[in-house]
Amino acid sequence: MISDGDSVDLVHLGFEPPILLRFTRVGSGASIEGGKTGSHTTGHGESYWDKFKELIALGYIPVDDALNLNLLPDGWALPSAKDWAELISSSKRK
């Protein structure tokens, strides 16, 4: 369960470099930063849990799991808060 206000960082390893997104629960919905389609929020009655399951089905996995399973390169770490906006912007695919 993801509590209101909590964020989960996810990564899609099917791209080089891997695409990051940040999923944040906002009430019964969610806010998404980054990812393949860019930043947006849930709408039209879509719950945070429905959106989270959709992201997993699209191939995103929690960064913590990717690190624990050694799926990311040695030394890889989440960007600092300062670098997050730049990374999210550069990860968008057209």
PDB file of N, CA and C in Angstrom:
ATOM      1  N   MET A   1       0.842  -1.177   0.000  1.00  0.00           N
ATOM      2  CA  MET A   1       0.000   0.000   0.000  1.00  0.00           C
ATOM      3  C   MET A   1       0.887   1.239   0.000  1.00  0.00           C
ATOM      4  N   ILE A   2       0.486   2.229  -0.733  1.00  0.00           N
ATOM      5  CA  ILE A   2       1.213   3.491  -0.802  1.00  0.00           C
ATOM      6  C   ILE A   2       0.370   4.535  -0.078  1.00  0.00           C
ATOM      7  N   SER A   3       0.926   5.134   0.956  1.00  0.00           N
ATOM      8  CA  SER A   3       0.188   6.112   1.747  1.00  0.00           C
ATOM      9  C   SER A   3       0.104   7.451   1.025  1.00  0.00           C
ATOM     10  N   ASP A   4      -0.936   8.208   1.343  1.00  0.00           N
ATOM     11  CA  ASP A   4      -1.124   9.524   0.752  1.00  0.00           C
ATOM     12  C   ASP A   4       0.119  10.378   0.998  1.00  0.00           C
ATOM     13  N   GLY A   5       0.634  10.985  -0.050  1.00  0.00           N
ATOM     14  CA  GLY A   5       1.830  11.821   0.039  1.00  0.00           C
ATOM     15  C   GLY A   5       3.129  11.078  -0.198  1.00  0.00           C
ATOM     16  N   ASP A   6       3.112   9.754  -0.165  1.00  0.00           N
ATOM     17  CA  ASP A   6       4.326   8.969  -0.395  1.00  0.00           C
ATOM     18  C   ASP A   6       4.653   8.896  -1.879  1.00  0.00           C
ATOM     19  N   SER A   7       5.939   8.840  -2.176  1.00  0.00           N
ATOM     20  CA  SER A   7       6.422   8.708  -3.555  1.00  0.00           C
ATOM     21  C   SER A   7       7.174   7.401  -3.727  1.00  0.00           C
ATOM     22  N   VAL A   8       7.090   6.852  -4.936  1.00  0.00           N
ATOM     23  CA  VAL A   8       7.837   5.655  -5.312  1.00  0.00           C
ATOM     24  C   VAL A   8       8.539   5.973  -6.623  1.00  0.00           C
ATOM     25  N   ASP A   9       9.854   5.793  -6.654  1.00  0.00           N
ATOM     26  CA  ASP A   9      10.610   5.984  -7.885  1.00  0.00           C
ATOM     27  C   ASP A   9      10.639   4.675  -8.658  1.00  0.00           C
ATOM     28  N   LEU A  10      10.333   4.771  -9.952  1.00  0.00           N
ATOM     29  CA  LEU A  10      10.268   3.606 -10.831  1.00  0.00           C
ATOM     30  C   LEU A  10      11.219   3.807 -11.996  1.00  0.00           C
ATOM     31  N   VAL A  11      11.649   2.703 -12.590  1.00  0.00           N
ATOM     32  CA  VAL A  11      12.569   2.753 -13.724  1.00  0.00           C
ATOM     33  C   VAL A  11      12.102   1.768 -14.783  1.00  0.00           C
ATOM     34  N   HIS A  12      12.259   2.164 -16.041  1.00  0.00           N
ATOM     35  CA  HIS A  12      11.963   1.269 -17.174  1.00  0.00           C
ATOM     36  C   HIS A  12      13.307   0.935 -17.805  1.00  0.00           C
ATOM     37  N   LEU A  13      13.682  -0.341 -17.731  1.00  0.00           N
ATOM     38  CA  LEU A  13      15.002  -0.772 -18.193  1.00  0.00           C
ATOM     39  C   LEU A  13      15.040  -1.069 -19.688  1.00  0.00           C
ATOM     40  N   GLY A  14      13.919  -0.922 -20.375  1.00  0.00           N
ATOM     41  CA  GLY A  14      13.860  -1.221 -21.802  1.00  0.00           C
ATOM     42  C   GLY A  14      14.389  -0.103 -22.676  1.00  0.00           C
ATOM     43  N   PHE A  15      14.919   0.951 -22.087  1.00  0.00           N
ATOM     44  CA  PHE A  15      15.466   2.085 -22.825  1.00  0.00           C
ATOM     45  C   PHE A  15      16.889   2.337 -22.363  1.00  0.00           C
ATOM     46  N   GLU A  16      17.666   2.939 -23.229  1.00  0.00           N
ATOM     47  CA  GLU A  16      19.043   3.307 -22.878  1.00  0.00           C
ATOM     48  C   GLU A  16      19.209   4.796 -23.102  1.00  0.00           C
ATOM     49  N   PRO A  17      19.364   5.592 -22.072  1.00  0.00           N
ATOM     50  CA  PRO A  17      19.434   5.174 -20.670  1.00  0.00           C
ATOM     51  C   PRO A  17      18.047   4.802 -20.147  1.00  0.00           C
ATOM     52  N   PRO A  18      17.999   4.083 -19.044  1.00  0.00           N
ATOM     53  CA  PRO A  18      16.703   3.723 -18.456  1.00  0.00           C
ATOM     54  C   PRO A  18      15.871   4.978 -18.161  1.00  0.00           C
ATOM     55  N   ILE A  19      14.563   4.855 -18.319  1.00  0.00           N
ATOM     56  CA  ILE A  19      13.662   5.981 -18.070  1.00  0.00           C
ATOM     57  C   ILE A  19      13.176   5.924 -16.625  1.00  0.00           C
ATOM     58  N   LEU A  20      13.299   7.055 -15.948  1.00  0.00           N
ATOM     59  CA  LEU A  20      12.836   7.172 -14.562  1.00  0.00           C
ATOM     60  C   LEU A  20      11.505   7.899 -14.502  1.00  0.00           C
ATOM     61  N   LEU A  21      10.718   7.561 -13.509  1.00  0.00           N
ATOM     62  CA  LEU A  21       9.543   8.361 -13.188  1.00  0.00           C
ATOM     63  C   LEU A  21       9.316   8.306 -11.698  1.00  0.00           C
ATOM     64  N   ARG A  22       8.651   9.324 -11.200  1.00  0.00           N
ATOM     65  CA  ARG A  22       8.306   9.375  -9.782  1.00  0.00           C
ATOM     66  C   ARG A  22       6.789   9.353  -9.678  1.00  0.00           C
ATOM     67  N   PHE A  23       6.292   8.381  -8.934  1.00  0.00           N
ATOM     68  CA  PHE A  23       4.869   8.187  -8.696  1.00  0.00           C
ATOM     69  C   PHE A  23       4.571   8.684  -7.293  1.00  0.00           C
ATOM     70  N   THR A  24       3.667   9.646  -7.150  1.00  0.00           N
ATOM     71  CA  THR A  24       3.303  10.177  -5.840  1.00  0.00           C
ATOM     72  C   THR A  24       1.805  10.040  -5.645  1.00  0.00           C
ATOM     73  N   ARG A  25       1.412   9.404  -4.563  1.00  0.00           N
ATOM     74  CA  ARG A  25      -0.009   9.299  -4.260  1.00  0.00           C
ATOM     75  C   ARG A  25      -0.503  10.655  -3.769  1.00  0.00           C
ATOM     76  N   VAL A  26      -1.626  11.096  -4.339  1.00  0.00           N
ATOM     77  CA  VAL A  26      -2.255  12.350  -3.954  1.00  0.00           C
ATOM     78  C   VAL A  26      -3.733  12.047  -3.699  1.00  0.00           C
ATOM     79  N   GLY A  27      -4.082  11.846  -2.437  1.00  0.00           N
ATOM     80  CA  GLY A  27      -5.455  11.467  -2.105  1.00  0.00           C
ATOM     81  C   GLY A  27      -5.769  10.116  -2.716  1.00  0.00           C
ATOM     82  N   SER A  28      -6.870  10.055  -3.466  1.00  0.00           N
ATOM     83  CA  SER A  28      -7.229   8.793  -4.111  1.00  0.00           C
ATOM     84  C   SER A  28      -6.606   8.670  -5.497  1.00  0.00           C
ATOM     85  N   GLY A  29      -5.919   9.727  -5.959  1.00  0.00           N
ATOM     86  CA  GLY A  29      -5.270   9.723  -7.269  1.00  0.00           C
ATOM     87  C   GLY A  29      -3.758   9.718  -7.144  1.00  0.00           C
ATOM     88  N   ALA A  30      -3.095  10.108  -8.228  1.00  0.00           N
ATOM     89  CA  ALA A  30      -1.627  10.104  -8.233  1.00  0.00           C
ATOM     90  C   ALA A  30      -1.095  11.184  -9.160  1.00  0.00           C
ATOM     91  N   SER A  31       0.119  11.601  -8.879  1.00  0.00           N
ATOM     92  CA  SER A  31       0.865  12.519  -9.726  1.00  0.00           C
ATOM     93  C   SER A  31       2.072  11.753 -10.264  1.00  0.00           C
ATOM     94  N   ILE A  32       2.312  11.883 -11.563  1.00  0.00           N
ATOM     95  CA  ILE A  32       3.431  11.197 -12.207  1.00  0.00           C
ATOM     96  C   ILE A  32       4.385  12.248 -12.737  1.00  0.00           C
ATOM     97  N   GLU A  33       5.666  12.134 -12.404  1.00  0.00           N
ATOM     98  CA  GLU A  33       6.693  13.023 -12.938  1.00  0.00           C
ATOM     99  C   GLU A  33       7.634  12.195 -13.795  1.00  0.00           C
ATOM    100  N   GLY A  34       7.801  12.608 -15.042  1.00  0.00           N
ATOM    101  CA  GLY A  34       8.731  11.925 -15.927  1.00  0.00           C
ATOM    102  C   GLY A  34       8.095  10.755 -16.626  1.00  0.00           C
ATOM    103  N   GLY A  35       8.902   9.751 -16.886  1.00  0.00           N
ATOM    104  CA  GLY A  35       8.421   8.593 -17.616  1.00  0.00           C
ATOM    105  C   GLY A  35       8.393   8.856 -19.110  1.00  0.00           C
ATOM    106  N   LYS A  36       7.929   7.901 -19.842  1.00  0.00           N
ATOM    107  CA  LYS A  36       7.913   7.977 -21.303  1.00  0.00           C
ATOM    108  C   LYS A  36       6.972   9.058 -21.817  1.00  0.00           C
ATOM    109  N   THR A  37       5.875   9.308 -21.092  1.00  0.00           N
ATOM    110  CA  THR A  37       4.884  10.273 -21.576  1.00  0.00           C
ATOM    111  C   THR A  37       4.929  11.610 -20.859  1.00  0.00           C
ATOM    112  N   GLY A  38       5.842  11.801 -19.948  1.00  0.00           N
ATOM    113  CA  GLY A  38       5.945  13.081 -19.254  1.00  0.00           C
ATOM    114  C   GLY A  38       5.059  13.145 -18.021  1.00  0.00           C
ATOM    115  N   SER A  39       5.023  14.311 -17.403  1.00  0.00           N
ATOM    116  CA  SER A  39       4.335  14.479 -16.133  1.00  0.00           C
ATOM    117  C   SER A  39       2.837  14.687 -16.330  1.00  0.00           C
ATOM    118  N   HIS A  40       2.051  14.101 -15.421  1.00  0.00           N
ATOM    119  CA  HIS A  40       0.595  14.248 -15.449  1.00  0.00           C
ATOM    120  C   HIS A  40       0.002  13.754 -14.138  1.00  0.00           C
ATOM    121  N   THR A  41      -1.301  13.939 -13.981  1.00  0.00           N
ATOM    122  CA  THR A  41      -1.998  13.422 -12.816  1.00  0.00           C
ATOM    123  C   THR A  41      -3.129  12.508 -13.289  1.00  0.00           C
ATOM    124  N   THR A  42      -3.576  11.658 -12.380  1.00  0.00           N
ATOM    125  CA  THR A  42      -4.690  10.774 -12.716  1.00  0.00           C
ATOM    126  C   THR A  42      -5.961  11.602 -12.829  1.00  0.00           C
ATOM    127  N   GLY A  43      -6.918  11.066 -13.532  1.00  0.00           N
ATOM    128  CA  GLY A  43      -8.189  11.757 -13.695  1.00  0.00           C
ATOM    129  C   GLY A  43      -9.285  10.793 -14.067  1.00  0.00           C
ATOM    130  N   HIS A  44     -10.466  11.317 -14.257  1.00  0.00           N
ATOM    131  CA  HIS A  44     -11.627  10.533 -14.696  1.00  0.00           C
ATOM    132  C   HIS A  44     -11.873   9.323 -13.801  1.00  0.00           C
ATOM    133  N   GLY A  45     -11.724   9.526 -12.496  1.00  0.00           N
ATOM    134  CA  GLY A  45     -12.025   8.452 -11.559  1.00  0.00           C
ATOM    135  C   GLY A  45     -10.951   7.392 -11.437  1.00  0.00           C
ATOM    136  N   GLU A  46      -9.822   7.580 -12.094  1.00  0.00           N
ATOM    137  CA  GLU A  46      -8.738   6.590 -12.013  1.00  0.00           C
ATOM    138  C   GLU A  46      -8.079   6.674 -10.639  1.00  0.00           C
ATOM    139  N   SER A  47      -7.963   5.547  -9.955  1.00  0.00           N
ATOM    140  CA  SER A  47      -7.357   5.538  -8.630  1.00  0.00           C
ATOM    141  C   SER A  47      -5.833   5.450  -8.735  1.00  0.00           C
ATOM    142  N   TYR A  48      -5.194   5.822  -7.638  1.00  0.00           N
ATOM    143  CA  TYR A  48      -3.734   5.718  -7.600  1.00  0.00           C
ATOM    144  C   TYR A  48      -3.308   4.268  -7.821  1.00  0.00           C
ATOM    145  N   TRP A  49      -4.054   3.328  -7.260  1.00  0.00           N
ATOM    146  CA  TRP A  49      -3.665   1.925  -7.369  1.00  0.00           C
ATOM    147  C   TRP A  49      -3.811   1.431  -8.801  1.00  0.00           C
ATOM    148  N   ASP A  50      -4.874   1.850  -9.501  1.00  0.00           N
ATOM    149  CA  ASP A  50      -5.031   1.493 -10.912  1.00  0.00           C
ATOM    150  C   ASP A  50      -3.852   2.015 -11.729  1.00  0.00           C
ATOM    151  N   LYS A  51      -3.443   3.257 -11.470  1.00  0.00           N
ATOM    152  CA  LYS A  51      -2.323   3.856 -12.216  1.00  0.00           C
ATOM    153  C   LYS A  51      -1.026   3.129 -11.886  1.00  0.00           C
ATOM    154  N   PHE A  52      -0.808   2.795 -10.622  1.00  0.00           N
ATOM    155  CA  PHE A  52       0.415   2.095 -10.245  1.00  0.00           C
ATOM    156  C   PHE A  52       0.492   0.739 -10.957  1.00  0.00           C
ATOM    157  N   LYS A  53      -0.609  -0.003 -10.963  1.00  0.00           N
ATOM    158  CA  LYS A  53      -0.640  -1.301 -11.646  1.00  0.00           C
ATOM    159  C   LYS A  53      -0.416  -1.135 -13.146  1.00  0.00           C
ATOM    160  N   GLU A  54      -0.943  -0.069 -13.729  1.00  0.00           N
ATOM    161  CA  GLU A  54      -0.730   0.195 -15.156  1.00  0.00           C
ATOM    162  C   GLU A  54       0.750   0.423 -15.450  1.00  0.00           C
ATOM    163  N   LEU A  55       1.418   1.181 -14.599  1.00  0.00           N
ATOM    164  CA  LEU A  55       2.849   1.441 -14.794  1.00  0.00           C
ATOM    165  C   LEU A  55       3.662   0.150 -14.720  1.00  0.00           C
ATOM    166  N   ILE A  56       3.320  -0.708 -13.778  1.00  0.00           N
ATOM    167  CA  ILE A  56       4.014  -1.989 -13.659  1.00  0.00           C
ATOM    168  C   ILE A  56       3.777  -2.825 -14.923  1.00  0.00           C
ATOM    169  N   ALA A  57       2.544  -2.835 -15.412  1.00  0.00           N
ATOM    170  CA  ALA A  57       2.215  -3.588 -16.628  1.00  0.00           C
ATOM    171  C   ALA A  57       2.961  -3.047 -17.845  1.00  0.00           C
ATOM    172  N   LEU A  58       3.284  -1.741 -17.834  1.00  0.00           N
ATOM    173  CA  LEU A  58       4.031  -1.134 -18.943  1.00  0.00           C
ATOM    174  C   LEU A  58       5.533  -1.418 -18.873  1.00  0.00           C
ATOM    175  N   GLY A  59       5.984  -2.046 -17.791  1.00  0.00           N
ATOM    176  CA  GLY A  59       7.392  -2.422 -17.688  1.00  0.00           C
ATOM    177  C   GLY A  59       8.207  -1.638 -16.688  1.00  0.00           C
ATOM    178  N   TYR A  60       7.592  -0.723 -15.952  1.00  0.00           N
ATOM    179  CA  TYR A  60       8.317   0.006 -14.910  1.00  0.00           C
ATOM    180  C   TYR A  60       8.427  -0.879 -13.669  1.00  0.00           C
ATOM    181  N   ILE A  61       9.558  -0.784 -12.989  1.00  0.00           N
ATOM    182  CA  ILE A  61       9.731  -1.495 -11.721  1.00  0.00           C
ATOM    183  C   ILE A  61      10.284  -0.517 -10.692  1.00  0.00           C
ATOM    184  N   PRO A  62       9.987  -0.736  -9.415  1.00  0.00           N
ATOM    185  CA  PRO A  62      10.547   0.144  -8.390  1.00  0.00           C
ATOM    186  C   PRO A  62      12.081   0.146  -8.449  1.00  0.00           C
ATOM    187  N   VAL A  63      12.653   1.326  -8.331  1.00  0.00           N
ATOM    188  CA  VAL A  63      14.107   1.465  -8.371  1.00  0.00           C
ATOM    189  C   VAL A  63      14.765   0.599  -7.307  1.00  0.00           C
ATOM    190  N   ASP A  64      14.190   0.563  -6.103  1.00  0.00           N
ATOM    191  CA  ASP A  64      14.776  -0.258  -5.030  1.00  0.00           C
ATOM    192  C   ASP A  64      14.884  -1.720  -5.456  1.00  0.00           C
ATOM    193  N   ASP A  65      13.845  -2.228  -6.134  1.00  0.00           N
ATOM    194  CA  ASP A  65      13.888  -3.617  -6.602  1.00  0.00           C
ATOM    195  C   ASP A  65      14.955  -3.791  -7.675  1.00  0.00           C
ATOM    196  N   ALA A  66      15.039  -2.834  -8.606  1.00  0.00           N
ATOM    197  CA  ALA A  66      16.050  -2.913  -9.669  1.00  0.00           C
ATOM    198  C   ALA A  66      17.464  -2.923  -9.081  1.00  0.00           C
ATOM    199  N   LEU A  67      17.688  -2.115  -8.063  1.00  0.00           N
ATOM    200  CA  LEU A  67      19.005  -2.091  -7.410  1.00  0.00           C
ATOM    201  C   LEU A  67      19.274  -3.396  -6.673  1.00  0.00           C
ATOM    202  N   ASN A  68      18.290  -3.891  -5.923  1.00  0.00           N
ATOM    203  CA  ASN A  68      18.461  -5.137  -5.167  1.00  0.00           C
ATOM    204  C   ASN A  68      18.708  -6.338  -6.069  1.00  0.00           C
ATOM    205  N   LEU A  69      18.159  -6.303  -7.279  1.00  0.00           N
ATOM    206  CA  LEU A  69      18.327  -7.400  -8.231  1.00  0.00           C
ATOM    207  C   LEU A  69      19.524  -7.185  -9.170  1.00  0.00           C
ATOM    208  N   ASN A  70      20.306  -6.141  -8.906  1.00  0.00           N
ATOM    209  CA  ASN A  70      21.479  -5.808  -9.727  1.00  0.00           C
ATOM    210  C   ASN A  70      21.123  -5.623 -11.200  1.00  0.00           C
ATOM    211  N   LEU A  71      19.989  -4.977 -11.458  1.00  0.00           N
ATOM    212  CA  LEU A  71      19.561  -4.730 -12.831  1.00  0.00           C
ATOM    213  C   LEU A  71      20.064  -3.394 -13.371  1.00  0.00           C
ATOM    214  N   LEU A  72      20.606  -2.568 -12.487  1.00  0.00           N
ATOM    215  CA  LEU A  72      21.165  -1.278 -12.882  1.00  0.00           C
ATOM    216  C   LEU A  72      22.685  -1.344 -12.775  1.00  0.00           C
ATOM    217  N   PRO A  73      23.392  -0.529 -13.550  1.00  0.00           N
ATOM    218  CA  PRO A  73      24.861  -0.577 -13.537  1.00  0.00           C
ATOM    219  C   PRO A  73      25.434  -0.297 -12.147  1.00  0.00           C
ATOM    220  N   ASP A  74      26.595  -0.873 -11.872  1.00  0.00           N
ATOM    221  CA  ASP A  74      27.286  -0.606 -10.612  1.00  0.00           C
ATOM    222  C   ASP A  74      27.472   0.897 -10.446  1.00  0.00           C
ATOM    223  N   GLY A  75      27.235   1.357  -9.246  1.00  0.00           N
ATOM    224  CA  GLY A  75      27.416   2.772  -8.952  1.00  0.00           C
ATOM    225  C   GLY A  75      26.219   3.639  -9.314  1.00  0.00           C
ATOM    226  N   TRP A  76      25.204   3.056  -9.943  1.00  0.00           N
ATOM    227  CA  TRP A  76      24.031   3.840 -10.317  1.00  0.00           C
ATOM    228  C   TRP A  76      23.307   4.291  -9.057  1.00  0.00           C
ATOM    229  N   ALA A  77      22.845   5.518  -9.040  1.00  0.00           N
ATOM    230  CA  ALA A  77      22.089   6.039  -7.904  1.00  0.00           C
ATOM    231  C   ALA A  77      21.034   7.005  -8.425  1.00  0.00           C
ATOM    232  N   LEU A  78      19.991   7.182  -7.648  1.00  0.00           N
ATOM    233  CA  LEU A  78      18.979   8.169  -8.007  1.00  0.00           C
ATOM    234  C   LEU A  78      19.621   9.547  -8.061  1.00  0.00           C
ATOM    235  N   PRO A  79      19.131  10.395  -8.930  1.00  0.00           N
ATOM    236  CA  PRO A  79      19.690  11.748  -9.010  1.00  0.00           C
ATOM    237  C   PRO A  79      19.358  12.551  -7.757  1.00  0.00           C
ATOM    238  N   SER A  80      20.167  13.550  -7.506  1.00  0.00           N
ATOM    239  CA  SER A  80      19.878  14.466  -6.403  1.00  0.00           C
ATOM    240  C   SER A  80      18.613  15.249  -6.759  1.00  0.00           C
ATOM    241  N   ALA A  81      18.020  15.855  -5.765  1.00  0.00           N
ATOM    242  CA  ALA A  81      16.815  16.662  -6.016  1.00  0.00           C
ATOM    243  C   ALA A  81      17.102  17.750  -7.044  1.00  0.00           C
ATOM    244  N   LYS A  82      18.294  18.294  -7.008  1.00  0.00           N
ATOM    245  CA  LYS A  82      18.693  19.350  -7.950  1.00  0.00           C
ATOM    246  C   LYS A  82      18.704  18.843  -9.392  1.00  0.00           C
ATOM    247  N   ASP A  83      19.137  17.601  -9.587  1.00  0.00           N
ATOM    248  CA  ASP A  83      19.257  17.051 -10.934  1.00  0.00           C
ATOM    249  C   ASP A  83      17.982  16.375 -11.436  1.00  0.00           C
ATOM    250  N   TRP A  84      16.996  16.197 -10.549  1.00  0.00           N
ATOM    251  CA  TRP A  84      15.796  15.439 -10.923  1.00  0.00           C
ATOM    252  C   TRP A  84      15.066  16.067 -12.109  1.00  0.00           C
ATOM    253  N   ALA A  85      14.810  17.360 -12.087  1.00  0.00           N
ATOM    254  CA  ALA A  85      14.041  18.029 -13.146  1.00  0.00           C
ATOM    255  C   ALA A  85      14.742  17.874 -14.499  1.00  0.00           C
ATOM    256  N   GLU A  86      16.056  18.020 -14.521  1.00  0.00           N
ATOM    257  CA  GLU A  86      16.799  17.866 -15.771  1.00  0.00           C
ATOM    258  C   GLU A  86      16.717  16.439 -16.289  1.00  0.00           C
ATOM    259  N   LEU A  87      16.837  15.488 -15.413  1.00  0.00           N
ATOM    260  CA  LEU A  87      16.772  14.075 -15.805  1.00  0.00           C
ATOM    261  C   LEU A  87      15.380  13.725 -16.336  1.00  0.00           C
ATOM    262  N   ILE A  88      14.349  14.190 -15.646  1.00  0.00           N
ATOM    263  CA  ILE A  88      12.974  13.919 -16.081  1.00  0.00           C
ATOM    264  C   ILE A  88      12.763  14.527 -17.465  1.00  0.00           C
ATOM    265  N   SER A  89      13.221  15.716 -17.675  1.00  0.00           N
ATOM    266  CA  SER A  89      13.069  16.373 -18.964  1.00  0.00           C
ATOM    267  C   SER A  89      13.789  15.613 -20.060  1.00  0.00           C
ATOM    268  N   SER A  90      14.982  15.119 -19.788  1.00  0.00           N
ATOM    269  CA  SER A  90      15.761  14.410 -20.810  1.00  0.00           C
ATOM    270  C   SER A  90      15.275  12.996 -21.046  1.00  0.00           C
ATOM    271  N   SER A  91      14.450  12.450 -20.125  1.00  0.00           N
ATOM    272  CA  SER A  91      13.994  11.068 -20.293  1.00  0.00           C
ATOM    273  C   SER A  91      12.755  10.975 -21.161  1.00  0.00           C
ATOM    274  N   LYS A  92      12.115  12.086 -21.496  1.00  0.00           N
ATOM    275  CA  LYS A  92      10.900  12.052 -22.308  1.00  0.00           C
ATOM    276  C   LYS A  92      11.240  11.582 -23.709  1.00  0.00           C
ATOM    277  N   ARG A  93      10.425  10.707 -24.232  1.00  0.00           N
ATOM    278  CA  ARG A  93      10.596  10.192 -25.595  1.00  0.00           C
ATOM    279  C   ARG A  93       9.515  10.777 -26.481  1.00  0.00           C
ATOM    280  N   LYS A  94       9.861  11.153 -27.661  1.00  0.00           N
ATOM    281  CA  LYS A  94       8.896  11.715 -28.615  1.00  0.00           C
ATOM    282  C   LYS A  94       8.356  10.603 -29.485  1.00  0.00           C
TER     283      LYS A  94
END
